[in-house]
Amino acid sequence: MKALIYRGPGSKVLEDRPKPKIKDPGDAIVKMMKTTICGTDLHILKGDVPTCKPGRILGHEGVGVVDSLGPGVTSFRQGDKVLISCISACGICEYCRRGMYSHCTTGGWILGNEIDGTQAEYVRTPHADTSLYHIPEGADEEALVMLSDILPTGFECGVLNGKVAPGSSVAIVGSGPIGLAALLTAQFYSPAQIIVVDLDDNRLGLARQFGATCTINSGDDKAAEAVKALTGGRGVDTAIEAVGVPATFQLCEDIVAPGGVIANIGVHGKKVDLHLEWLWSQNIEITTRLVDTVSTPMLLKTVEAKKIDPRRLITHRFTLDHILDAYETFGHAADTRALKVIIAA
């Protein structure tokens, strides 16, 4: 089968690999239909994720058809169309029982990281009963790819951790796919202000289309002043960091109001300064999280009911044979105006 292989920092190749086989009773082999590229894949290629070793098939998102099943799988049958969660969860360990599927002792974020992932013609998915979801009849498969990771990540790590509430003020720093996913799902809670900050005017324009009440281009280094001006000088109740670089976390520190929350989503490859010299007295909360995908069933229902349309995040489409072109497009989003790319296996 064709598969996208990580060869080490800065290096990837599309090559032939053997079709995966069942290893454990709870495994499923899924024939991929659609997958995508995540910002985390780019972090892997930068060398920011040491758990991902050279030789790994990348990818942790997608939809497909069940090809074969281990004897322990009871919820799925051969031929079922399924959504693959980016998080594999056994459902019975201590962390799973606490709803922290991302820290499952035999799962977590392993697809495309510690085991081979979804950017291939087939993928082996452990703990199939609790890590796959049936695709509703007639559902838009491309839209559902956004539910593998990006939508639950924006919602859980940004909106839920950020305690977004009716009438509150929210700033989302970064209007890439994750920031826009947080923007879409923040509107579940009717905040009074959703301010989106970015360097890219095109993405800021999309943020306004997606429901931002105001956007700020941070290229002049006056974004903090602009946010304060929009909030009567107090700052925002929730500052969501959706990039993963020191400057954007610093901005969140600058704009959070007393009693507010900084919700970090970004994957940080470098150390970040925490300015307790002025934050120590401000009653703020700082949260971190790897998505648990506990919200996936709810998000499936909202998409099925057309209450939210994640397909709006898709800008480019490729086939697996052209996945290197897809990476080039996704990795140069400022020039290509890419958000999410869909790759048909």
C-alpha atoms as a PDB file:
ATOM      1  CA  MET A   1       0.000   0.000   0.000  1.00  0.00           C
ATOM      2  CA  LYS A   2       1.030   3.643  -0.434  1.00  0.00           C
ATOM      3  CA  ALA A   3       1.912   5.512   2.771  1.00  0.00           C
ATOM      4  CA  LEU A   4       3.468   8.838   3.802  1.00  0.00           C
ATOM      5  CA  ILE A   5       6.594   8.106   5.856  1.00  0.00           C
ATOM      6  CA  TYR A   6       8.383  10.412   8.308  1.00  0.00           C
ATOM      7  CA  ARG A   7      12.133  10.068   7.710  1.00  0.00           C
ATOM      8  CA  GLY A   8      13.355  12.486  10.362  1.00  0.00           C
ATOM      9  CA  PRO A   9      13.202  16.274  10.847  1.00  0.00           C
ATOM     10  CA  GLY A  10      12.472  17.944   7.516  1.00  0.00           C
ATOM     11  CA  SER A  11      12.163  14.677   5.601  1.00  0.00           C
ATOM     12  CA  LYS A  12       9.145  12.689   4.374  1.00  0.00           C
ATOM     13  CA  VAL A  13       8.473  10.327   1.477  1.00  0.00           C
ATOM     14  CA  LEU A  14       5.561   8.505  -0.133  1.00  0.00           C
ATOM     15  CA  GLU A  15       6.440   4.835  -0.485  1.00  0.00           C
ATOM     16  CA  ASP A  16       5.051   1.308  -0.494  1.00  0.00           C
ATOM     17  CA  ARG A  17       4.476  -0.429   2.827  1.00  0.00           C
ATOM     18  CA  PRO A  18       2.867  -3.790   3.699  1.00  0.00           C
ATOM     19  CA  LYS A  19      -0.837  -3.672   4.507  1.00  0.00           C
ATOM     20  CA  PRO A  20      -1.238  -3.707   8.310  1.00  0.00           C
ATOM     21  CA  LYS A  21      -2.471  -6.838  10.092  1.00  0.00           C
ATOM     22  CA  ILE A  22      -4.527  -7.471  13.215  1.00  0.00           C
ATOM     23  CA  LYS A  23      -2.199  -7.624  16.250  1.00  0.00           C
ATOM     24  CA  ASP A  24      -4.560  -7.486  19.221  1.00  0.00           C
ATOM     25  CA  PRO A  25      -8.150  -8.715  19.726  1.00  0.00           C
ATOM     26  CA  GLY A  26      -9.525  -5.177  19.843  1.00  0.00           C
ATOM     27  CA  ASP A  27      -7.927  -4.027  16.587  1.00  0.00           C
ATOM     28  CA  ALA A  28      -9.639  -3.008  13.374  1.00  0.00           C
ATOM     29  CA  ILE A  29      -8.027  -2.614   9.973  1.00  0.00           C
ATOM     30  CA  VAL A  30      -9.674   0.332   8.213  1.00  0.00           C
ATOM     31  CA  LYS A  31      -9.420   1.041   4.500  1.00  0.00           C
ATOM     32  CA  MET A  32      -8.964   4.796   4.338  1.00  0.00           C
ATOM     33  CA  MET A  33     -11.382   6.916   2.305  1.00  0.00           C
ATOM     34  CA  LYS A  34     -10.405  10.444   3.354  1.00  0.00           C
ATOM     35  CA  THR A  35      -7.668  11.809   5.570  1.00  0.00           C
ATOM     36  CA  THR A  36      -6.038  15.196   6.177  1.00  0.00           C
ATOM     37  CA  ILE A  37      -2.888  16.907   7.434  1.00  0.00           C
ATOM     38  CA  CYS A  38      -2.720  18.435  10.908  1.00  0.00           C
ATOM     39  CA  GLY A  39      -0.532  21.221  12.221  1.00  0.00           C
ATOM     40  CA  THR A  40       0.844  18.584  14.588  1.00  0.00           C
ATOM     41  CA  ASP A  41       2.178  16.697  11.565  1.00  0.00           C
ATOM     42  CA  LEU A  42       4.149  19.828  10.690  1.00  0.00           C
ATOM     43  CA  HIS A  43       5.468  19.956  14.261  1.00  0.00           C
ATOM     44  CA  ILE A  44       6.606  16.337  13.878  1.00  0.00           C
ATOM     45  CA  LEU A  45       8.446  17.274  10.688  1.00  0.00           C
ATOM     46  CA  LYS A  46      10.162  20.112  12.556  1.00  0.00           C
ATOM     47  CA  GLY A  47      11.390  17.629  15.175  1.00  0.00           C
ATOM     48  CA  ASP A  48       9.139  18.990  17.929  1.00  0.00           C
ATOM     49  CA  VAL A  49       7.592  15.576  18.805  1.00  0.00           C
ATOM     50  CA  PRO A  50      10.360  13.217  19.983  1.00  0.00           C
ATOM     51  CA  THR A  51       7.943  10.298  20.516  1.00  0.00           C
ATOM     52  CA  CYS A  52       7.493  10.050  16.732  1.00  0.00           C
ATOM     53  CA  LYS A  53      10.441   8.131  15.352  1.00  0.00           C
ATOM     54  CA  PRO A  54      11.726   8.031  11.762  1.00  0.00           C
ATOM     55  CA  GLY A  55       9.986   5.360   9.719  1.00  0.00           C
ATOM     56  CA  ARG A  56       6.532   6.163  11.090  1.00  0.00           C
ATOM     57  CA  ILE A  57       3.481   6.523   8.827  1.00  0.00           C
ATOM     58  CA  LEU A  58       2.042   9.926   9.713  1.00  0.00           C
ATOM     59  CA  GLY A  59      -1.578  10.978  10.188  1.00  0.00           C
ATOM     60  CA  HIS A  60      -4.180  10.619  12.928  1.00  0.00           C
ATOM     61  CA  GLU A  61      -7.420  11.717  11.253  1.00  0.00           C
ATOM     62  CA  GLY A  62      -9.844  10.365   8.715  1.00  0.00           C
ATOM     63  CA  VAL A  63     -12.820   8.281   7.712  1.00  0.00           C
ATOM     64  CA  GLY A  64     -12.849   4.837   6.134  1.00  0.00           C
ATOM     65  CA  VAL A  65     -14.425   1.414   5.784  1.00  0.00           C
ATOM     66  CA  VAL A  66     -13.786  -1.475   8.170  1.00  0.00           C
ATOM     67  CA  ASP A  67     -11.727  -4.064   6.290  1.00  0.00           C
ATOM     68  CA  SER A  68     -11.166  -6.630   9.047  1.00  0.00           C
ATOM     69  CA  LEU A  69     -11.657  -6.973  12.797  1.00  0.00           C
ATOM     70  CA  GLY A  70     -10.010  -8.622  15.752  1.00  0.00           C
ATOM     71  CA  PRO A  71     -12.065 -11.222  17.644  1.00  0.00           C
ATOM     72  CA  GLY A  72     -12.626  -8.851  20.555  1.00  0.00           C
ATOM     73  CA  VAL A  73     -14.432  -6.140  18.568  1.00  0.00           C
ATOM     74  CA  THR A  74     -18.191  -6.211  19.126  1.00  0.00           C
ATOM     75  CA  SER A  75     -19.527  -2.806  17.968  1.00  0.00           C
ATOM     76  CA  PHE A  76     -18.454  -2.891  14.313  1.00  0.00           C
ATOM     77  CA  ARG A  77     -18.688  -5.203  11.338  1.00  0.00           C
ATOM     78  CA  GLN A  78     -16.760  -5.541   8.113  1.00  0.00           C
ATOM     79  CA  GLY A  79     -17.959  -2.918   5.642  1.00  0.00           C
ATOM     80  CA  ASP A  80     -19.042  -0.347   8.261  1.00  0.00           C
ATOM     81  CA  LYS A  81     -18.116   3.254   7.452  1.00  0.00           C
ATOM     82  CA  VAL A  82     -16.318   4.773  10.419  1.00  0.00           C
ATOM     83  CA  LEU A  83     -14.837   7.988  11.759  1.00  0.00           C
ATOM     84  CA  ILE A  84     -11.374   7.412  13.214  1.00  0.00           C
ATOM     85  CA  SER A  85     -10.662   9.313  16.418  1.00  0.00           C
ATOM     86  CA  CYS A  86      -7.209  10.851  16.732  1.00  0.00           C
ATOM     87  CA  ILE A  87      -7.180   9.424  20.271  1.00  0.00           C
ATOM     88  CA  SER A  88      -7.211   5.681  20.910  1.00  0.00           C
ATOM     89  CA  ALA A  89      -8.939   4.786  24.181  1.00  0.00           C
ATOM     90  CA  CYS A  90      -9.248   1.425  25.935  1.00  0.00           C
ATOM     91  CA  GLY A  91     -12.182   2.738  27.997  1.00  0.00           C
ATOM     92  CA  ILE A  92     -11.228   0.845  31.151  1.00  0.00           C
ATOM     93  CA  CYS A  93      -7.906   2.171  32.494  1.00  0.00           C
ATOM     94  CA  GLU A  94      -7.797   4.766  35.278  1.00  0.00           C
ATOM     95  CA  TYR A  95      -7.386   7.693  32.884  1.00  0.00           C
ATOM     96  CA  CYS A  96     -10.166   6.553  30.551  1.00  0.00           C
ATOM     97  CA  ARG A  97     -12.535   6.187  33.505  1.00  0.00           C
ATOM     98  CA  ARG A  98     -11.768   9.841  34.310  1.00  0.00           C
ATOM     99  CA  GLY A  99     -12.533  10.868  30.717  1.00  0.00           C
ATOM    100  CA  MET A 100      -8.849  11.574  30.025  1.00  0.00           C
ATOM    101  CA  TYR A 101      -8.661   9.362  26.947  1.00  0.00           C
ATOM    102  CA  SER A 102      -5.577  11.225  25.761  1.00  0.00           C
ATOM    103  CA  HIS A 103      -3.658   9.589  28.615  1.00  0.00           C
ATOM    104  CA  CYS A 104      -4.999   6.061  28.113  1.00  0.00           C
ATOM    105  CA  THR A 105      -2.301   3.703  29.373  1.00  0.00           C
ATOM    106  CA  THR A 106      -2.453   1.617  26.179  1.00  0.00           C
ATOM    107  CA  GLY A 107      -3.642   4.319  23.803  1.00  0.00           C
ATOM    108  CA  GLY A 108      -3.848   8.092  23.764  1.00  0.00           C
ATOM    109  CA  TRP A 109      -2.364   9.974  20.838  1.00  0.00           C
ATOM    110  CA  ILE A 110      -0.518   7.050  19.304  1.00  0.00           C
ATOM    111  CA  LEU A 111      -1.791   7.074  15.690  1.00  0.00           C
ATOM    112  CA  GLY A 112       0.813   8.697  13.462  1.00  0.00           C
ATOM    113  CA  ASN A 113       2.998   9.184  16.510  1.00  0.00           C
ATOM    114  CA  GLU A 114       3.902   5.959  18.318  1.00  0.00           C
ATOM    115  CA  ILE A 115       2.219   3.621  15.825  1.00  0.00           C
ATOM    116  CA  ASP A 116       1.543   3.954  12.101  1.00  0.00           C
ATOM    117  CA  GLY A 117      -1.170   6.421  11.160  1.00  0.00           C
ATOM    118  CA  THR A 118      -3.845   7.286   8.639  1.00  0.00           C
ATOM    119  CA  GLN A 119      -1.965   8.880   5.733  1.00  0.00           C
ATOM    120  CA  ALA A 120      -1.994   5.547   3.935  1.00  0.00           C
ATOM    121  CA  GLU A 121      -4.369   3.224   2.119  1.00  0.00           C
ATOM    122  CA  TYR A 122      -5.006   1.196   5.300  1.00  0.00           C
ATOM    123  CA  VAL A 123      -4.527   1.776   9.028  1.00  0.00           C
ATOM    124  CA  ARG A 124      -4.618  -0.451  12.085  1.00  0.00           C
ATOM    125  CA  THR A 125      -6.720   1.168  14.823  1.00  0.00           C
ATOM    126  CA  PRO A 126      -6.362  -0.237  18.356  1.00  0.00           C
ATOM    127  CA  HIS A 127      -9.314  -0.335  20.772  1.00  0.00           C
ATOM    128  CA  ALA A 128     -11.737  -0.140  17.868  1.00  0.00           C
ATOM    129  CA  ASP A 129     -14.909  -0.382  19.987  1.00  0.00           C
ATOM    130  CA  THR A 130     -14.045   2.822  21.859  1.00  0.00           C
ATOM    131  CA  SER A 131     -11.941   4.649  19.251  1.00  0.00           C
ATOM    132  CA  LEU A 132     -14.111   4.451  16.118  1.00  0.00           C
ATOM    133  CA  TYR A 133     -17.538   5.992  15.479  1.00  0.00           C
ATOM    134  CA  HIS A 134     -20.241   4.857  13.087  1.00  0.00           C
ATOM    135  CA  ILE A 135     -20.795   7.368  10.286  1.00  0.00           C
ATOM    136  CA  PRO A 136     -24.497   8.337  10.114  1.00  0.00           C
ATOM    137  CA  GLU A 137     -26.297   7.461   6.892  1.00  0.00           C
ATOM    138  CA  GLY A 138     -25.975  10.257   4.329  1.00  0.00           C
ATOM    139  CA  ALA A 139     -23.389  12.197   6.356  1.00  0.00           C
ATOM    140  CA  ASP A 140     -20.830  14.348   4.561  1.00  0.00           C
ATOM    141  CA  GLU A 141     -17.640  12.311   4.881  1.00  0.00           C
ATOM    142  CA  GLU A 142     -15.322  15.256   4.231  1.00  0.00           C
ATOM    143  CA  ALA A 143     -16.988  17.267   6.982  1.00  0.00           C
ATOM    144  CA  LEU A 144     -16.624  14.349   9.382  1.00  0.00           C
ATOM    145  CA  VAL A 145     -12.852  14.247   8.840  1.00  0.00           C
ATOM    146  CA  MET A 146     -12.834  17.514  10.786  1.00  0.00           C
ATOM    147  CA  LEU A 147     -14.286  15.601  13.761  1.00  0.00           C
ATOM    148  CA  SER A 148     -11.298  13.270  14.043  1.00  0.00           C
ATOM    149  CA  ASP A 149      -9.226  15.974  15.715  1.00  0.00           C
ATOM    150  CA  ILE A 150      -9.581  19.615  14.805  1.00  0.00           C
ATOM    151  CA  LEU A 151     -13.142  20.297  15.966  1.00  0.00           C
ATOM    152  CA  PRO A 152     -12.933  18.451  19.305  1.00  0.00           C
ATOM    153  CA  THR A 153      -9.495  19.999  19.887  1.00  0.00           C
ATOM    154  CA  GLY A 154     -10.728  23.551  19.373  1.00  0.00           C
ATOM    155  CA  PHE A 155     -13.792  22.836  21.492  1.00  0.00           C
ATOM    156  CA  GLU A 156     -12.259  20.884  24.372  1.00  0.00           C
ATOM    157  CA  CYS A 157      -8.844  22.542  24.690  1.00  0.00           C
ATOM    158  CA  GLY A 158     -10.033  26.046  23.853  1.00  0.00           C
ATOM    159  CA  VAL A 159     -13.728  26.526  24.571  1.00  0.00           C
ATOM    160  CA  LEU A 160     -14.327  24.098  27.441  1.00  0.00           C
ATOM    161  CA  ASN A 161     -10.964  24.631  29.140  1.00  0.00           C
ATOM    162  CA  GLY A 162     -11.349  28.356  28.551  1.00  0.00           C
ATOM    163  CA  LYS A 163     -14.715  28.389  30.335  1.00  0.00           C
ATOM    164  CA  VAL A 164     -16.393  30.377  27.578  1.00  0.00           C
ATOM    165  CA  ALA A 165     -19.749  31.565  28.914  1.00  0.00           C
ATOM    166  CA  PRO A 166     -22.782  33.560  27.714  1.00  0.00           C
ATOM    167  CA  GLY A 167     -21.983  37.257  27.591  1.00  0.00           C
ATOM    168  CA  SER A 168     -18.257  36.745  28.122  1.00  0.00           C
ATOM    169  CA  SER A 169     -15.373  38.142  26.090  1.00  0.00           C
ATOM    170  CA  VAL A 170     -13.066  35.791  24.180  1.00  0.00           C
ATOM    171  CA  ALA A 171      -9.861  36.372  22.235  1.00  0.00           C
ATOM    172  CA  ILE A 172      -8.554  33.633  19.943  1.00  0.00           C
ATOM    173  CA  VAL A 173      -4.904  34.217  19.104  1.00  0.00           C
ATOM    174  CA  GLY A 174      -4.315  32.442  15.805  1.00  0.00           C
ATOM    175  CA  SER A 175      -6.899  32.009  13.047  1.00  0.00           C
ATOM    176  CA  GLY A 176      -5.544  28.848  11.491  1.00  0.00           C
ATOM    177  CA  PRO A 177      -7.701  25.718  11.376  1.00  0.00           C
ATOM    178  CA  ILE A 178      -7.581  25.122  15.147  1.00  0.00           C
ATOM    179  CA  GLY A 179      -8.341  28.745  15.971  1.00  0.00           C
ATOM    180  CA  LEU A 180     -11.263  28.738  13.537  1.00  0.00           C
ATOM    181  CA  ALA A 181     -12.534  25.468  15.037  1.00  0.00           C
ATOM    182  CA  ALA A 182     -12.476  27.154  18.445  1.00  0.00           C
ATOM    183  CA  LEU A 183     -14.308  30.118  16.920  1.00  0.00           C
ATOM    184  CA  LEU A 184     -17.058  27.919  15.457  1.00  0.00           C
ATOM    185  CA  THR A 185     -17.624  25.996  18.686  1.00  0.00           C
ATOM    186  CA  ALA A 186     -17.310  28.999  21.035  1.00  0.00           C
ATOM    187  CA  GLN A 187     -20.554  30.228  19.535  1.00  0.00           C
ATOM    188  CA  PHE A 188     -22.377  27.328  21.223  1.00  0.00           C
ATOM    189  CA  TYR A 189     -22.128  29.463  24.400  1.00  0.00           C
ATOM    190  CA  SER A 190     -23.079  32.906  23.004  1.00  0.00           C
ATOM    191  CA  PRO A 191     -20.146  35.018  24.209  1.00  0.00           C
ATOM    192  CA  ALA A 192     -20.677  38.747  23.714  1.00  0.00           C
ATOM    193  CA  GLN A 193     -17.279  39.257  22.043  1.00  0.00           C
ATOM    194  CA  ILE A 194     -15.082  36.926  20.029  1.00  0.00           C
ATOM    195  CA  ILE A 195     -11.933  38.766  18.998  1.00  0.00           C
ATOM    196  CA  VAL A 196      -9.590  36.946  16.607  1.00  0.00           C
ATOM    197  CA  VAL A 197      -5.942  37.958  16.309  1.00  0.00           C
ATOM    198  CA  ASP A 198      -3.595  36.910  13.502  1.00  0.00           C
ATOM    199  CA  LEU A 199      -0.972  38.187  11.069  1.00  0.00           C
ATOM    200  CA  ASP A 200      -2.833  36.955   7.975  1.00  0.00           C
ATOM    201  CA  ASP A 201      -5.545  39.263   6.628  1.00  0.00           C
ATOM    202  CA  ASN A 202      -7.065  36.473   4.543  1.00  0.00           C
ATOM    203  CA  ARG A 203      -7.568  34.294   7.600  1.00  0.00           C
ATOM    204  CA  LEU A 204      -8.913  37.249   9.558  1.00  0.00           C
ATOM    205  CA  GLY A 205     -11.450  37.761   6.782  1.00  0.00           C
ATOM    206  CA  LEU A 206     -12.512  34.125   7.136  1.00  0.00           C
ATOM    207  CA  ALA A 207     -12.769  34.583  10.892  1.00  0.00           C
ATOM    208  CA  ARG A 208     -15.263  37.400  10.359  1.00  0.00           C
ATOM    209  CA  GLN A 209     -17.261  35.151   8.011  1.00  0.00           C
ATOM    210  CA  PHE A 210     -17.190  32.400  10.651  1.00  0.00           C
ATOM    211  CA  GLY A 211     -18.600  34.671  13.374  1.00  0.00           C
ATOM    212  CA  ALA A 212     -15.827  36.767  14.918  1.00  0.00           C
ATOM    213  CA  THR A 213     -17.184  40.043  16.274  1.00  0.00           C
ATOM    214  CA  CYS A 214     -13.852  41.766  15.628  1.00  0.00           C
ATOM    215  CA  THR A 215     -10.456  40.917  14.132  1.00  0.00           C
ATOM    216  CA  ILE A 216      -7.011  42.384  14.777  1.00  0.00           C
ATOM    217  CA  ASN A 217      -3.889  42.106  12.637  1.00  0.00           C
ATOM    218  CA  SER A 218      -1.004  41.796  15.109  1.00  0.00           C
ATOM    219  CA  GLY A 219       1.674  42.816  12.622  1.00  0.00           C
ATOM    220  CA  ASP A 220       2.109  46.239  14.217  1.00  0.00           C
ATOM    221  CA  ASP A 221       2.840  44.784  17.691  1.00  0.00           C
ATOM    222  CA  LYS A 222      -0.120  46.712  19.101  1.00  0.00           C
ATOM    223  CA  ALA A 223      -2.575  43.842  19.340  1.00  0.00           C
ATOM    224  CA  ALA A 224      -2.683  43.913  23.145  1.00  0.00           C
ATOM    225  CA  GLU A 225      -3.581  47.610  23.112  1.00  0.00           C
ATOM    226  CA  ALA A 226      -6.295  46.956  20.542  1.00  0.00           C
ATOM    227  CA  VAL A 227      -7.825  44.141  22.593  1.00  0.00           C
ATOM    228  CA  LYS A 228      -7.780  46.293  25.715  1.00  0.00           C
ATOM    229  CA  ALA A 229      -9.472  49.118  23.799  1.00  0.00           C
ATOM    230  CA  LEU A 230     -12.245  46.740  22.673  1.00  0.00           C
ATOM    231  CA  THR A 231     -12.837  45.527  26.231  1.00  0.00           C
ATOM    232  CA  GLY A 232     -12.935  48.808  28.120  1.00  0.00           C
ATOM    233  CA  GLY A 233      -9.344  48.421  29.253  1.00  0.00           C
ATOM    234  CA  ARG A 234      -9.882  45.198  31.206  1.00  0.00           C
ATOM    235  CA  GLY A 235      -8.897  42.476  28.766  1.00  0.00           C
ATOM    236  CA  VAL A 236     -10.758  39.282  27.890  1.00  0.00           C
ATOM    237  CA  ASP A 237     -12.340  36.651  30.082  1.00  0.00           C
ATOM    238  CA  THR A 238     -10.879  33.885  27.907  1.00  0.00           C
ATOM    239  CA  ALA A 239      -7.650  34.060  25.914  1.00  0.00           C
ATOM    240  CA  ILE A 240      -7.192  31.031  23.648  1.00  0.00           C
ATOM    241  CA  GLU A 241      -3.659  30.371  22.373  1.00  0.00           C
ATOM    242  CA  ALA A 242      -3.982  28.533  19.051  1.00  0.00           C
ATOM    243  CA  VAL A 243      -0.526  28.815  17.468  1.00  0.00           C
ATOM    244  CA  GLY A 244       2.179  27.384  19.717  1.00  0.00           C
ATOM    245  CA  VAL A 245       4.952  29.995  19.652  1.00  0.00           C
ATOM    246  CA  PRO A 246       6.281  32.185  22.484  1.00  0.00           C
ATOM    247  CA  ALA A 247       4.943  35.456  21.052  1.00  0.00           C
ATOM    248  CA  THR A 248       1.328  34.276  20.931  1.00  0.00           C
ATOM    249  CA  PHE A 249       1.396  32.886  24.479  1.00  0.00           C
ATOM    250  CA  GLN A 250       2.917  36.180  25.609  1.00  0.00           C
ATOM    251  CA  LEU A 251       0.054  38.027  23.939  1.00  0.00           C
ATOM    252  CA  CYS A 252      -2.465  35.884  25.831  1.00  0.00           C
ATOM    253  CA  GLU A 253      -0.718  36.835  29.080  1.00  0.00           C
ATOM    254  CA  ASP A 254      -0.958  40.499  28.093  1.00  0.00           C
ATOM    255  CA  ILE A 255      -4.685  40.482  27.290  1.00  0.00           C
ATOM    256  CA  VAL A 256      -6.292  38.205  29.890  1.00  0.00           C
ATOM    257  CA  ALA A 257      -8.523  40.052  32.354  1.00  0.00           C
ATOM    258  CA  PRO A 258      -8.363  39.597  36.131  1.00  0.00           C
ATOM    259  CA  GLY A 259     -10.201  36.379  36.934  1.00  0.00           C
ATOM    260  CA  GLY A 260      -9.816  35.166  33.363  1.00  0.00           C
ATOM    261  CA  VAL A 261      -8.485  32.001  31.743  1.00  0.00           C
ATOM    262  CA  ILE A 262      -5.608  31.392  29.341  1.00  0.00           C
ATOM    263  CA  ALA A 263      -6.451  28.206  27.455  1.00  0.00           C
ATOM    264  CA  ASN A 264      -3.436  26.855  25.600  1.00  0.00           C
ATOM    265  CA  ILE A 265      -4.084  24.723  22.513  1.00  0.00           C
ATOM    266  CA  GLY A 266      -0.859  25.275  20.567  1.00  0.00           C
ATOM    267  CA  VAL A 267       1.911  22.672  20.382  1.00  0.00           C
ATOM    268  CA  HIS A 268       5.005  24.413  21.735  1.00  0.00           C
ATOM    269  CA  GLY A 269       8.416  23.386  20.454  1.00  0.00           C
ATOM    270  CA  LYS A 270      10.252  26.072  22.437  1.00  0.00           C
ATOM    271  CA  LYS A 271      10.122  27.271  26.021  1.00  0.00           C
ATOM    272  CA  VAL A 272       7.662  30.026  26.870  1.00  0.00           C
ATOM    273  CA  ASP A 273       8.087  32.678  29.546  1.00  0.00           C
ATOM    274  CA  LEU A 274       5.442  32.812  32.268  1.00  0.00           C
ATOM    275  CA  HIS A 275       5.285  36.366  33.629  1.00  0.00           C
ATOM    276  CA  LEU A 276       4.237  35.722  37.195  1.00  0.00           C
ATOM    277  CA  GLU A 277       5.726  39.085  38.179  1.00  0.00           C
ATOM    278  CA  TRP A 278       2.471  40.659  37.018  1.00  0.00           C
ATOM    279  CA  LEU A 279       0.129  37.691  36.790  1.00  0.00           C
ATOM    280  CA  TRP A 280       0.546  36.393  40.351  1.00  0.00           C
ATOM    281  CA  SER A 281      -2.132  38.724  41.745  1.00  0.00           C
ATOM    282  CA  GLN A 282      -4.613  38.568  38.858  1.00  0.00           C
ATOM    283  CA  ASN A 283      -6.638  35.454  39.811  1.00  0.00           C
ATOM    284  CA  ILE A 284      -6.088  33.926  36.406  1.00  0.00           C
ATOM    285  CA  GLU A 285      -6.159  30.281  35.403  1.00  0.00           C
ATOM    286  CA  ILE A 286      -3.839  28.696  32.821  1.00  0.00           C
ATOM    287  CA  THR A 287      -4.966  25.437  31.242  1.00  0.00           C
ATOM    288  CA  THR A 288      -3.248  22.909  29.024  1.00  0.00           C
ATOM    289  CA  ARG A 289      -4.749  19.838  27.404  1.00  0.00           C
ATOM    290  CA  LEU A 290      -4.282  17.181  24.791  1.00  0.00           C
ATOM    291  CA  VAL A 291      -7.669  16.596  23.205  1.00  0.00           C
ATOM    292  CA  ASP A 292      -9.573  13.675  24.776  1.00  0.00           C
ATOM    293  CA  THR A 293     -12.312  13.512  22.098  1.00  0.00           C
ATOM    294  CA  VAL A 294     -14.963  13.102  24.810  1.00  0.00           C
ATOM    295  CA  SER A 295     -17.029  15.634  22.852  1.00  0.00           C
ATOM    296  CA  THR A 296     -17.010  13.690  19.572  1.00  0.00           C
ATOM    297  CA  PRO A 297     -20.490  12.097  20.000  1.00  0.00           C
ATOM    298  CA  MET A 298     -22.009  15.518  20.736  1.00  0.00           C
ATOM    299  CA  LEU A 299     -20.200  17.126  17.801  1.00  0.00           C
ATOM    300  CA  LEU A 300     -21.383  14.349  15.494  1.00  0.00           C
ATOM    301  CA  LYS A 301     -24.960  15.180  16.457  1.00  0.00           C
ATOM    302  CA  THR A 302     -24.489  18.915  15.916  1.00  0.00           C
ATOM    303  CA  VAL A 303     -22.979  18.324  12.475  1.00  0.00           C
ATOM    304  CA  GLU A 304     -25.724  15.847  11.560  1.00  0.00           C
ATOM    305  CA  ALA A 305     -28.323  18.411  12.663  1.00  0.00           C
ATOM    306  CA  LYS A 306     -26.548  21.079  10.566  1.00  0.00           C
ATOM    307  CA  LYS A 307     -25.989  23.284  13.611  1.00  0.00           C
ATOM    308  CA  ILE A 308     -22.344  23.603  12.618  1.00  0.00           C
ATOM    309  CA  ASP A 309     -20.646  23.143   9.265  1.00  0.00           C
ATOM    310  CA  PRO A 310     -16.991  22.042   9.573  1.00  0.00           C
ATOM    311  CA  ARG A 311     -16.799  21.599   5.798  1.00  0.00           C
ATOM    312  CA  ARG A 312     -16.230  25.363   5.675  1.00  0.00           C
ATOM    313  CA  LEU A 313     -12.704  24.689   6.948  1.00  0.00           C
ATOM    314  CA  ILE A 314     -11.767  22.679   3.821  1.00  0.00           C
ATOM    315  CA  THR A 315      -9.968  24.641   1.110  1.00  0.00           C
ATOM    316  CA  HIS A 316      -7.979  22.104  -0.952  1.00  0.00           C
ATOM    317  CA  ARG A 317      -8.356  18.510  -2.131  1.00  0.00           C
ATOM    318  CA  PHE A 318      -5.744  15.974  -3.241  1.00  0.00           C
ATOM    319  CA  THR A 319      -5.348  12.250  -3.800  1.00  0.00           C
ATOM    320  CA  LEU A 320      -2.919  10.149  -1.777  1.00  0.00           C
ATOM    321  CA  ASP A 321      -0.601   9.966  -4.796  1.00  0.00           C
ATOM    322  CA  HIS A 322      -0.199  13.744  -4.481  1.00  0.00           C
ATOM    323  CA  ILE A 323       0.147  13.959  -0.697  1.00  0.00           C
ATOM    324  CA  LEU A 324       3.563  15.612  -0.995  1.00  0.00           C
ATOM    325  CA  ASP A 325       1.870  18.421  -2.934  1.00  0.00           C
ATOM    326  CA  ALA A 326      -0.745  18.561  -0.173  1.00  0.00           C
ATOM    327  CA  TYR A 327       2.001  19.025   2.430  1.00  0.00           C
ATOM    328  CA  GLU A 328       3.568  21.759   0.317  1.00  0.00           C
ATOM    329  CA  THR A 329       0.218  23.532   0.075  1.00  0.00           C
ATOM    330  CA  PHE A 330      -0.641  23.129   3.761  1.00  0.00           C
ATOM    331  CA  GLY A 331       2.843  24.077   4.923  1.00  0.00           C
ATOM    332  CA  HIS A 332       2.770  27.367   2.956  1.00  0.00           C
ATOM    333  CA  ALA A 333      -0.707  28.431   3.965  1.00  0.00           C
ATOM    334  CA  ALA A 334       0.109  32.137   3.914  1.00  0.00           C
ATOM    335  CA  ASP A 335       0.749  31.886   0.180  1.00  0.00           C
ATOM    336  CA  THR A 336      -1.781  29.174  -0.755  1.00  0.00           C
ATOM    337  CA  ARG A 337      -4.572  30.345   1.599  1.00  0.00           C
ATOM    338  CA  ALA A 338      -4.978  26.770   2.765  1.00  0.00           C
ATOM    339  CA  LEU A 339      -6.924  25.829   5.872  1.00  0.00           C
ATOM    340  CA  LYS A 340      -7.645  22.099   5.849  1.00  0.00           C
ATOM    341  CA  VAL A 341      -6.729  19.827   2.954  1.00  0.00           C
ATOM    342  CA  ILE A 342      -8.635  16.644   2.184  1.00  0.00           C
ATOM    343  CA  ILE A 343      -6.669  13.663   0.849  1.00  0.00           C
ATOM    344  CA  ALA A 344      -8.599  10.879  -0.860  1.00  0.00           C
ATOM    345  CA  ALA A 345      -6.885   7.535  -0.331  1.00  0.00           C
END
